[in-house]
Amino acid sequence: MYKVVVPGDFISEEVNRAGEGTYVEDGKVYAMSYGIVEEREEIKVVAFSRKYVPTNGDVVIGRIIEISFPYWIVDIASPYEARLHISNFAAGVEKVEFGSMSRYLDLDDFIVAKVMTVDVMMRIELTLMEEFKMRGGGKLVEIPHTKVPRVIGRSGSMIKMLKEKCNCFIFIAKNGRIWIKGSEADVNLASEVILKIVNEAHTSGLTDRVVNFLDSFRRDKGKGGEK
């Protein structure tokens, strides 16, 4: 169960474990911001404003962080960990046995999954998409999930333009993780442009500036290649 706190809420008397998002006063640990208490080696408060909160149907990129039969525990860039049950693994696998789960998905593997259910206790169940495993040859970029609509653009215009001009496969998940595949130069260019969009998302005329930037880059590259 996750504990939601507001600024000033008492959390613990273990002041030696006070971490990010907390403060100590009179030998007690209090919340500095509105968010979720995370207790591991340190006591932290993960602010809601900085983190993605999933809803049913979201497609996310997750990272396997724990294997606890019959679940893979998945980091989805949220204050809440998600679970993937072996029964939701994939078609074509009759049964995943105890002790063999890492043969299919191991720690630090990245997956593409859909949020199946989110209950009132914020227990999140995932199911895998058809092309679910992120394989080599690509790059993962993480941006604030609130900026995802800006990178996609109106009716998908921005992401379509990026794919064409950067000559890359680009997959954007709802939780702010982006998978890019292509040549190293093209992937680096796409990454740079995506970060430009994120940093300038609040400004007007952004699409035109991105187009001009990419066209200018390609022109300069072409001139550099002339004999």
C-alpha atoms as a PDB file:
ATOM      1  CA  MET A   1       0.000   0.000   0.000  1.00  0.00           C
ATOM      2  CA  TYR A   2       1.254   3.460  -0.925  1.00  0.00           C
ATOM      3  CA  LYS A   3       1.046   6.355   1.514  1.00  0.00           C
ATOM      4  CA  VAL A   4       0.032   9.741   0.109  1.00  0.00           C
ATOM      5  CA  VAL A   5       1.340  12.763   2.026  1.00  0.00           C
ATOM      6  CA  VAL A   6       1.009  16.530   1.881  1.00  0.00           C
ATOM      7  CA  PRO A   7       3.636  19.081   2.995  1.00  0.00           C
ATOM      8  CA  GLY A   8       4.123  18.915   6.765  1.00  0.00           C
ATOM      9  CA  ASP A   9       2.804  15.386   7.237  1.00  0.00           C
ATOM     10  CA  PHE A  10       4.711  13.309   9.782  1.00  0.00           C
ATOM     11  CA  ILE A  11       6.435  10.301   8.202  1.00  0.00           C
ATOM     12  CA  SER A  12       8.928   8.761  10.623  1.00  0.00           C
ATOM     13  CA  GLU A  13      11.229   9.225  13.581  1.00  0.00           C
ATOM     14  CA  GLU A  14      14.136   7.576  11.739  1.00  0.00           C
ATOM     15  CA  VAL A  15      15.932  10.832  10.960  1.00  0.00           C
ATOM     16  CA  ASN A  16      19.037   8.995   9.743  1.00  0.00           C
ATOM     17  CA  ARG A  17      16.981   7.697   6.791  1.00  0.00           C
ATOM     18  CA  ALA A  18      15.552  11.078   5.737  1.00  0.00           C
ATOM     19  CA  GLY A  19      16.008  11.551   1.997  1.00  0.00           C
ATOM     20  CA  GLU A  20      14.772  13.558  -0.959  1.00  0.00           C
ATOM     21  CA  GLY A  21      11.453  15.364  -0.510  1.00  0.00           C
ATOM     22  CA  THR A  22      11.604  15.290   3.305  1.00  0.00           C
ATOM     23  CA  TYR A  23      12.834  17.529   6.105  1.00  0.00           C
ATOM     24  CA  VAL A  24      13.762  16.918   9.747  1.00  0.00           C
ATOM     25  CA  GLU A  25      12.411  18.929  12.642  1.00  0.00           C
ATOM     26  CA  ASP A  26      12.588  18.139  16.378  1.00  0.00           C
ATOM     27  CA  GLY A  27      13.894  14.647  15.680  1.00  0.00           C
ATOM     28  CA  LYS A  28      11.125  13.710  13.263  1.00  0.00           C
ATOM     29  CA  VAL A  29      10.873  13.328   9.479  1.00  0.00           C
ATOM     30  CA  TYR A  30       8.178  15.299   7.630  1.00  0.00           C
ATOM     31  CA  ALA A  31       7.039  15.544   4.004  1.00  0.00           C
ATOM     32  CA  MET A  32       8.297  18.537   2.055  1.00  0.00           C
ATOM     33  CA  SER A  33       5.936  18.071  -0.883  1.00  0.00           C
ATOM     34  CA  TYR A  34       2.669  16.472  -1.935  1.00  0.00           C
ATOM     35  CA  GLY A  35       3.405  12.940  -3.158  1.00  0.00           C
ATOM     36  CA  ILE A  36       4.079   9.282  -2.377  1.00  0.00           C
ATOM     37  CA  VAL A  37       6.268   7.960   0.429  1.00  0.00           C
ATOM     38  CA  GLU A  38       8.944   5.559  -0.790  1.00  0.00           C
ATOM     39  CA  GLU A  39      10.753   3.611   1.924  1.00  0.00           C
ATOM     40  CA  ARG A  40      13.809   1.633   0.947  1.00  0.00           C
ATOM     41  CA  GLU A  41      17.279   2.439   2.293  1.00  0.00           C
ATOM     42  CA  GLU A  42      16.147   6.044   2.535  1.00  0.00           C
ATOM     43  CA  ILE A  43      12.755   7.577   3.180  1.00  0.00           C
ATOM     44  CA  LYS A  44      11.766   9.719   0.193  1.00  0.00           C
ATOM     45  CA  VAL A  45       8.712  11.606  -0.957  1.00  0.00           C
ATOM     46  CA  VAL A  46       8.225  11.318  -4.714  1.00  0.00           C
ATOM     47  CA  ALA A  47       6.325  14.410  -5.803  1.00  0.00           C
ATOM     48  CA  PHE A  48       3.244  13.861  -7.978  1.00  0.00           C
ATOM     49  CA  SER A  49       4.083  16.830 -10.170  1.00  0.00           C
ATOM     50  CA  ARG A  50       7.258  15.148 -11.438  1.00  0.00           C
ATOM     51  CA  LYS A  51       5.956  11.641 -11.962  1.00  0.00           C
ATOM     52  CA  TYR A  52       3.653   9.773 -14.275  1.00  0.00           C
ATOM     53  CA  VAL A  53       0.467   8.300 -12.771  1.00  0.00           C
ATOM     54  CA  PRO A  54      -0.926   5.501 -14.990  1.00  0.00           C
ATOM     55  CA  THR A  55      -4.482   4.982 -16.153  1.00  0.00           C
ATOM     56  CA  ASN A  56      -6.161   1.988 -17.793  1.00  0.00           C
ATOM     57  CA  GLY A  57      -5.182   1.525 -21.414  1.00  0.00           C
ATOM     58  CA  ASP A  58      -1.910   3.471 -21.292  1.00  0.00           C
ATOM     59  CA  VAL A  59       0.904   1.992 -23.370  1.00  0.00           C
ATOM     60  CA  VAL A  60       4.171   2.297 -21.461  1.00  0.00           C
ATOM     61  CA  ILE A  61       7.826   1.360 -21.704  1.00  0.00           C
ATOM     62  CA  GLY A  62       8.817  -0.448 -18.521  1.00  0.00           C
ATOM     63  CA  ARG A  63      12.008  -1.881 -17.030  1.00  0.00           C
ATOM     64  CA  ILE A  64      12.095  -5.196 -15.160  1.00  0.00           C
ATOM     65  CA  ILE A  65      13.408  -4.459 -11.657  1.00  0.00           C
ATOM     66  CA  GLU A  66      12.461  -7.605  -9.748  1.00  0.00           C
ATOM     67  CA  ILE A  67      11.334 -11.171 -10.366  1.00  0.00           C
ATOM     68  CA  SER A  68       8.973 -12.534  -7.743  1.00  0.00           C
ATOM     69  CA  PHE A  69       7.014 -15.563  -8.943  1.00  0.00           C
ATOM     70  CA  PRO A  70       4.422 -15.328 -10.433  1.00  0.00           C
ATOM     71  CA  TYR A  71       5.163 -11.662 -11.239  1.00  0.00           C
ATOM     72  CA  TRP A  72       7.761  -9.543 -12.931  1.00  0.00           C
ATOM     73  CA  ILE A  73       7.922  -6.215 -11.081  1.00  0.00           C
ATOM     74  CA  VAL A  74       8.223  -3.335 -13.519  1.00  0.00           C
ATOM     75  CA  ASP A  75       9.443   0.242 -13.176  1.00  0.00           C
ATOM     76  CA  ILE A  76       7.193   2.427 -15.339  1.00  0.00           C
ATOM     77  CA  ALA A  77       8.696   5.833 -14.421  1.00  0.00           C
ATOM     78  CA  SER A  78       5.986   6.315 -11.811  1.00  0.00           C
ATOM     79  CA  PRO A  79       5.802   6.455  -8.010  1.00  0.00           C
ATOM     80  CA  TYR A  80       3.992   3.124  -8.351  1.00  0.00           C
ATOM     81  CA  GLU A  81       5.575  -0.131  -9.423  1.00  0.00           C
ATOM     82  CA  ALA A  82       3.615  -2.283 -11.863  1.00  0.00           C
ATOM     83  CA  ARG A  83       3.248  -6.058 -12.051  1.00  0.00           C
ATOM     84  CA  LEU A  84       3.251  -8.376 -15.023  1.00  0.00           C
ATOM     85  CA  HIS A  85       1.738 -11.773 -14.222  1.00  0.00           C
ATOM     86  CA  ILE A  86       3.094 -14.831 -16.024  1.00  0.00           C
ATOM     87  CA  SER A  87      -0.397 -15.473 -17.400  1.00  0.00           C
ATOM     88  CA  ASN A  88      -0.151 -12.137 -19.250  1.00  0.00           C
ATOM     89  CA  PHE A  89       3.276 -12.885 -20.660  1.00  0.00           C
ATOM     90  CA  ALA A  90       2.827 -13.722 -24.333  1.00  0.00           C
ATOM     91  CA  ALA A  91       1.008 -15.941 -26.752  1.00  0.00           C
ATOM     92  CA  GLY A  92       2.908 -19.061 -27.740  1.00  0.00           C
ATOM     93  CA  VAL A  93       4.333 -19.719 -24.273  1.00  0.00           C
ATOM     94  CA  GLU A  94       2.249 -22.455 -22.690  1.00  0.00           C
ATOM     95  CA  LYS A  95       3.564 -22.150 -19.158  1.00  0.00           C
ATOM     96  CA  VAL A  96       6.306 -20.171 -17.429  1.00  0.00           C
ATOM     97  CA  GLU A  97       7.686 -22.337 -14.645  1.00  0.00           C
ATOM     98  CA  PHE A  98       8.992 -21.230 -11.259  1.00  0.00           C
ATOM     99  CA  GLY A  99      12.721 -20.496 -11.568  1.00  0.00           C
ATOM    100  CA  SER A 100      12.591 -20.009 -15.337  1.00  0.00           C
ATOM    101  CA  MET A 101      11.108 -16.513 -15.521  1.00  0.00           C
ATOM    102  CA  SER A 102      14.460 -14.852 -16.240  1.00  0.00           C
ATOM    103  CA  ARG A 103      14.744 -16.917 -19.435  1.00  0.00           C
ATOM    104  CA  TYR A 104      11.879 -14.892 -20.852  1.00  0.00           C
ATOM    105  CA  LEU A 105      12.348 -11.498 -19.180  1.00  0.00           C
ATOM    106  CA  ASP A 106      15.376 -10.731 -17.054  1.00  0.00           C
ATOM    107  CA  LEU A 107      16.346  -7.853 -14.773  1.00  0.00           C
ATOM    108  CA  ASP A 108      16.880  -4.542 -16.630  1.00  0.00           C
ATOM    109  CA  ASP A 109      15.076  -5.764 -19.745  1.00  0.00           C
ATOM    110  CA  PHE A 110      12.856  -3.076 -21.266  1.00  0.00           C
ATOM    111  CA  ILE A 111       9.365  -4.003 -22.412  1.00  0.00           C
ATOM    112  CA  VAL A 112       6.385  -2.398 -24.129  1.00  0.00           C
ATOM    113  CA  ALA A 113       3.221  -3.066 -22.145  1.00  0.00           C
ATOM    114  CA  LYS A 114      -0.349  -1.894 -21.739  1.00  0.00           C
ATOM    115  CA  VAL A 115      -1.809  -0.922 -18.368  1.00  0.00           C
ATOM    116  CA  MET A 116      -4.599  -3.444 -17.895  1.00  0.00           C
ATOM    117  CA  THR A 117      -5.962  -2.343 -14.513  1.00  0.00           C
ATOM    118  CA  VAL A 118      -5.249   0.244 -11.827  1.00  0.00           C
ATOM    119  CA  ASP A 119      -7.185  -0.304  -8.608  1.00  0.00           C
ATOM    120  CA  VAL A 120      -7.936   2.106  -5.759  1.00  0.00           C
ATOM    121  CA  MET A 121      -4.788   0.942  -3.934  1.00  0.00           C
ATOM    122  CA  MET A 122      -2.740   1.826  -7.033  1.00  0.00           C
ATOM    123  CA  ARG A 123      -1.909  -1.799  -7.784  1.00  0.00           C
ATOM    124  CA  ILE A 124      -1.059  -1.790 -11.471  1.00  0.00           C
ATOM    125  CA  GLU A 125      -1.411  -4.849 -13.687  1.00  0.00           C
ATOM    126  CA  LEU A 126       0.261  -4.958 -17.087  1.00  0.00           C
ATOM    127  CA  THR A 127      -0.136  -7.045 -20.186  1.00  0.00           C
ATOM    128  CA  LEU A 128       2.458  -7.215 -22.943  1.00  0.00           C
ATOM    129  CA  MET A 129       2.030  -5.700 -26.373  1.00  0.00           C
ATOM    130  CA  GLU A 130       2.633  -7.954 -29.381  1.00  0.00           C
ATOM    131  CA  GLU A 131       6.112  -6.519 -30.076  1.00  0.00           C
ATOM    132  CA  PHE A 132       7.025  -6.277 -26.444  1.00  0.00           C
ATOM    133  CA  LYS A 133      10.775  -6.597 -25.980  1.00  0.00           C
ATOM    134  CA  MET A 134      13.121  -3.678 -26.618  1.00  0.00           C
ATOM    135  CA  ARG A 135      16.056  -5.210 -28.418  1.00  0.00           C
ATOM    136  CA  GLY A 136      19.548  -3.900 -29.132  1.00  0.00           C
ATOM    137  CA  GLY A 137      20.517  -1.211 -31.598  1.00  0.00           C
ATOM    138  CA  GLY A 138      18.367   1.550 -30.195  1.00  0.00           C
ATOM    139  CA  LYS A 139      18.436   4.335 -27.656  1.00  0.00           C
ATOM    140  CA  LEU A 140      16.053   5.102 -24.821  1.00  0.00           C
ATOM    141  CA  VAL A 141      15.275   8.763 -24.124  1.00  0.00           C
ATOM    142  CA  GLU A 142      13.265   9.863 -21.098  1.00  0.00           C
ATOM    143  CA  ILE A 143      11.276  13.090 -21.006  1.00  0.00           C
ATOM    144  CA  PRO A 144       8.613  14.444 -18.616  1.00  0.00           C
ATOM    145  CA  HIS A 145       5.392  12.594 -19.408  1.00  0.00           C
ATOM    146  CA  THR A 146       3.572  15.937 -19.603  1.00  0.00           C
ATOM    147  CA  LYS A 147       5.630  16.795 -22.700  1.00  0.00           C
ATOM    148  CA  VAL A 148       4.602  13.683 -24.660  1.00  0.00           C
ATOM    149  CA  PRO A 149       1.663  15.418 -26.440  1.00  0.00           C
ATOM    150  CA  ARG A 150       4.012  18.184 -27.644  1.00  0.00           C
ATOM    151  CA  VAL A 151       6.464  15.678 -29.112  1.00  0.00           C
ATOM    152  CA  ILE A 152       3.600  13.872 -30.850  1.00  0.00           C
ATOM    153  CA  GLY A 153       2.057  17.114 -32.107  1.00  0.00           C
ATOM    154  CA  ARG A 154      -1.429  17.872 -33.326  1.00  0.00           C
ATOM    155  CA  SER A 155      -2.841  14.812 -35.111  1.00  0.00           C
ATOM    156  CA  GLY A 156       0.632  13.267 -34.912  1.00  0.00           C
ATOM    157  CA  SER A 157       2.200  15.953 -37.102  1.00  0.00           C
ATOM    158  CA  MET A 158       5.394  16.497 -35.090  1.00  0.00           C
ATOM    159  CA  ILE A 159       6.319  12.842 -34.626  1.00  0.00           C
ATOM    160  CA  LYS A 160       5.583  12.072 -38.290  1.00  0.00           C
ATOM    161  CA  MET A 161       7.891  14.876 -39.355  1.00  0.00           C
ATOM    162  CA  LEU A 162      10.636  13.694 -36.955  1.00  0.00           C
ATOM    163  CA  LYS A 163      10.499  10.136 -38.283  1.00  0.00           C
ATOM    164  CA  GLU A 164      10.765  11.315 -41.869  1.00  0.00           C
ATOM    165  CA  LYS A 165      13.488  13.930 -41.442  1.00  0.00           C
ATOM    166  CA  CYS A 166      15.573  11.945 -38.935  1.00  0.00           C
ATOM    167  CA  ASN A 167      15.099   8.673 -40.833  1.00  0.00           C
ATOM    168  CA  CYS A 168      14.431   6.798 -37.563  1.00  0.00           C
ATOM    169  CA  PHE A 169      11.927   4.486 -35.957  1.00  0.00           C
ATOM    170  CA  ILE A 170      10.545   6.417 -32.967  1.00  0.00           C
ATOM    171  CA  PHE A 171       8.143   4.937 -30.441  1.00  0.00           C
ATOM    172  CA  ILE A 172       6.698   7.237 -27.755  1.00  0.00           C
ATOM    173  CA  ALA A 173       5.101   5.717 -24.649  1.00  0.00           C
ATOM    174  CA  LYS A 174       2.586   7.482 -22.426  1.00  0.00           C
ATOM    175  CA  ASN A 175       5.001   7.469 -19.462  1.00  0.00           C
ATOM    176  CA  GLY A 176       7.563   9.687 -21.203  1.00  0.00           C
ATOM    177  CA  ARG A 177       9.959   7.020 -22.418  1.00  0.00           C
ATOM    178  CA  ILE A 178      10.907   7.121 -26.089  1.00  0.00           C
ATOM    179  CA  TRP A 179      12.632   4.344 -28.037  1.00  0.00           C
ATOM    180  CA  ILE A 180      14.626   5.423 -31.109  1.00  0.00           C
ATOM    181  CA  LYS A 181      16.234   3.088 -33.670  1.00  0.00           C
ATOM    182  CA  GLY A 182      18.349   3.944 -36.695  1.00  0.00           C
ATOM    183  CA  SER A 183      21.931   4.773 -37.551  1.00  0.00           C
ATOM    184  CA  GLU A 184      23.961   6.280 -34.715  1.00  0.00           C
ATOM    185  CA  ALA A 185      24.044   9.712 -36.353  1.00  0.00           C
ATOM    186  CA  ASP A 186      20.297   9.720 -37.050  1.00  0.00           C
ATOM    187  CA  VAL A 187      19.459   8.512 -33.536  1.00  0.00           C
ATOM    188  CA  ASN A 188      21.638  11.234 -31.997  1.00  0.00           C
ATOM    189  CA  LEU A 189      19.964  13.859 -34.185  1.00  0.00           C
ATOM    190  CA  ALA A 190      16.484  12.648 -33.245  1.00  0.00           C
ATOM    191  CA  SER A 191      17.437  12.673 -29.547  1.00  0.00           C
ATOM    192  CA  GLU A 192      18.746  16.226 -29.805  1.00  0.00           C
ATOM    193  CA  VAL A 193      15.601  17.443 -31.535  1.00  0.00           C
ATOM    194  CA  ILE A 194      13.300  15.734 -29.033  1.00  0.00           C
ATOM    195  CA  LEU A 195      15.107  17.445 -26.156  1.00  0.00           C
ATOM    196  CA  LYS A 196      14.819  20.743 -28.040  1.00  0.00           C
ATOM    197  CA  ILE A 197      11.057  20.225 -28.308  1.00  0.00           C
ATOM    198  CA  VAL A 198      10.820  19.436 -24.588  1.00  0.00           C
ATOM    199  CA  ASN A 199      12.831  22.507 -23.580  1.00  0.00           C
ATOM    200  CA  GLU A 200      10.883  24.833 -25.866  1.00  0.00           C
ATOM    201  CA  ALA A 201       7.447  23.213 -25.536  1.00  0.00           C
ATOM    202  CA  HIS A 202       5.957  26.366 -23.994  1.00  0.00           C
ATOM    203  CA  THR A 203       6.936  28.621 -26.909  1.00  0.00           C
ATOM    204  CA  SER A 204       5.036  29.473 -30.084  1.00  0.00           C
ATOM    205  CA  GLY A 205       6.268  28.662 -33.576  1.00  0.00           C
ATOM    206  CA  LEU A 206       8.074  25.557 -32.328  1.00  0.00           C
ATOM    207  CA  THR A 207       7.184  23.319 -35.269  1.00  0.00           C
ATOM    208  CA  ASP A 208       8.599  25.789 -37.780  1.00  0.00           C
ATOM    209  CA  ARG A 209      11.807  26.141 -35.763  1.00  0.00           C
ATOM    210  CA  VAL A 210      12.216  22.360 -35.584  1.00  0.00           C
ATOM    211  CA  VAL A 211      11.688  22.018 -39.333  1.00  0.00           C
ATOM    212  CA  ASN A 212      14.211  24.799 -40.029  1.00  0.00           C
ATOM    213  CA  PHE A 213      16.713  23.240 -37.624  1.00  0.00           C
ATOM    214  CA  LEU A 214      16.479  19.831 -39.296  1.00  0.00           C
ATOM    215  CA  ASP A 215      16.580  21.242 -42.829  1.00  0.00           C
ATOM    216  CA  SER A 216      19.582  23.378 -41.929  1.00  0.00           C
ATOM    217  CA  PHE A 217      21.329  20.380 -40.376  1.00  0.00           C
ATOM    218  CA  ARG A 218      20.784  18.286 -43.493  1.00  0.00           C
ATOM    219  CA  ARG A 219      21.979  21.124 -45.774  1.00  0.00           C
ATOM    220  CA  ASP A 220      25.128  21.631 -43.718  1.00  0.00           C
ATOM    221  CA  LYS A 221      25.786  17.899 -43.688  1.00  0.00           C
ATOM    222  CA  GLY A 222      25.347  17.788 -47.468  1.00  0.00           C
ATOM    223  CA  LYS A 223      27.779  20.648 -47.975  1.00  0.00           C
ATOM    224  CA  GLY A 224      30.276  18.930 -45.703  1.00  0.00           C
ATOM    225  CA  GLY A 225      30.124  15.866 -47.909  1.00  0.00           C
ATOM    226  CA  GLU A 226      30.755  17.739 -51.172  1.00  0.00           C
ATOM    227  CA  LYS A 227      34.097  17.138 -52.836  1.00  0.00           C
END
